[in-house]
């Protein structure tokens, strides 16, 4: 699994959304954890990155 590069602010947002630790978010988006929650975190991180990219004109 490839690592997803996410700004720390987005990691903190994911932490709050999923009610997990910052380390759990980091390990999930780095592909270390592969649980259902980790996959959901990765998917949401991807969605947030797409939202950020769409803000650019």
C-alpha atoms as a PDB file:
ATOM      1  CA  UNK A   1       0.000   0.000   0.000  1.00  0.00           C
ATOM      2  CA  UNK A   2       1.323   3.430  -0.923  1.00  0.00           C
ATOM      3  CA  UNK A   3       1.761   6.155   1.651  1.00  0.00           C
ATOM      4  CA  UNK A   4      -0.647   9.106   1.398  1.00  0.00           C
ATOM      5  CA  UNK A   5       0.966  12.484   1.996  1.00  0.00           C
ATOM      6  CA  UNK A   6      -1.401  14.545   4.123  1.00  0.00           C
ATOM      7  CA  UNK A   7      -0.918  17.923   5.799  1.00  0.00           C
ATOM      8  CA  UNK A   8      -0.873  17.753   9.615  1.00  0.00           C
ATOM      9  CA  UNK A   9      -4.050  19.877   9.780  1.00  0.00           C
ATOM     10  CA  UNK A  10      -5.906  17.224   7.785  1.00  0.00           C
ATOM     11  CA  UNK A  11      -4.470  14.508  10.018  1.00  0.00           C
ATOM     12  CA  UNK A  12      -5.876  16.331  13.047  1.00  0.00           C
ATOM     13  CA  UNK A  13      -9.248  16.568  11.314  1.00  0.00           C
ATOM     14  CA  UNK A  14      -9.167  12.806  10.643  1.00  0.00           C
ATOM     15  CA  UNK A  15      -8.211  12.201  14.274  1.00  0.00           C
ATOM     16  CA  UNK A  16     -11.293  14.087  15.447  1.00  0.00           C
ATOM     17  CA  UNK A  17     -13.623  12.504  12.874  1.00  0.00           C
ATOM     18  CA  UNK A  18     -12.612   8.938  13.700  1.00  0.00           C
ATOM     19  CA  UNK A  19     -11.942   9.519  17.421  1.00  0.00           C
ATOM     20  CA  UNK A  20      -8.511   7.898  17.264  1.00  0.00           C
ATOM     21  CA  UNK A  21      -4.995   9.010  18.137  1.00  0.00           C
ATOM     22  CA  UNK A  22      -2.796  11.052  15.810  1.00  0.00           C
ATOM     23  CA  UNK A  23      -0.429   8.078  15.617  1.00  0.00           C
ATOM     24  CA  UNK A  24      -3.275   5.811  14.481  1.00  0.00           C
ATOM     25  CA  UNK A  25      -4.106   8.249  11.675  1.00  0.00           C
ATOM     26  CA  UNK A  26      -0.464   8.444  10.631  1.00  0.00           C
ATOM     27  CA  UNK A  27       0.018   4.672  10.685  1.00  0.00           C
ATOM     28  CA  UNK A  28      -3.223   4.173   8.764  1.00  0.00           C
ATOM     29  CA  UNK A  29      -2.409   6.588   5.960  1.00  0.00           C
ATOM     30  CA  UNK A  30       1.130   5.200   5.786  1.00  0.00           C
ATOM     31  CA  UNK A  31      -0.331   1.755   5.147  1.00  0.00           C
ATOM     32  CA  UNK A  32       1.009   0.157   8.336  1.00  0.00           C
ATOM     33  CA  UNK A  33      -2.448  -0.575   9.727  1.00  0.00           C
ATOM     34  CA  UNK A  34      -4.886  -2.459   7.490  1.00  0.00           C
ATOM     35  CA  UNK A  35      -8.017  -2.777   9.627  1.00  0.00           C
ATOM     36  CA  UNK A  36     -11.436  -1.678   8.389  1.00  0.00           C
ATOM     37  CA  UNK A  37     -11.069   1.588  10.310  1.00  0.00           C
ATOM     38  CA  UNK A  38      -7.620   2.176   8.800  1.00  0.00           C
ATOM     39  CA  UNK A  39      -9.036   1.651   5.315  1.00  0.00           C
ATOM     40  CA  UNK A  40     -11.854   4.100   6.117  1.00  0.00           C
ATOM     41  CA  UNK A  41      -9.275   6.642   7.336  1.00  0.00           C
ATOM     42  CA  UNK A  42      -7.309   6.229   4.102  1.00  0.00           C
ATOM     43  CA  UNK A  43     -10.471   6.695   2.031  1.00  0.00           C
ATOM     44  CA  UNK A  44     -11.468   9.826   3.953  1.00  0.00           C
ATOM     45  CA  UNK A  45      -7.928  11.217   3.631  1.00  0.00           C
ATOM     46  CA  UNK A  46      -8.206  10.768  -0.125  1.00  0.00           C
ATOM     47  CA  UNK A  47     -11.578  12.577  -0.135  1.00  0.00           C
ATOM     48  CA  UNK A  48     -10.142  15.463   1.879  1.00  0.00           C
ATOM     49  CA  UNK A  49      -7.192  15.786  -0.507  1.00  0.00           C
ATOM     50  CA  UNK A  50      -9.553  15.892  -3.491  1.00  0.00           C
ATOM     51  CA  UNK A  51     -11.608  18.598  -1.744  1.00  0.00           C
ATOM     52  CA  UNK A  52      -8.443  20.633  -1.146  1.00  0.00           C
ATOM     53  CA  UNK A  53      -7.322  20.200  -4.755  1.00  0.00           C
ATOM     54  CA  UNK A  54     -10.716  21.371  -6.027  1.00  0.00           C
ATOM     55  CA  UNK A  55     -10.291  24.638  -4.119  1.00  0.00           C
ATOM     56  CA  UNK A  56      -7.375  25.570  -6.391  1.00  0.00           C
ATOM     57  CA  UNK A  57      -8.374  27.665  -9.370  1.00  0.00           C
END
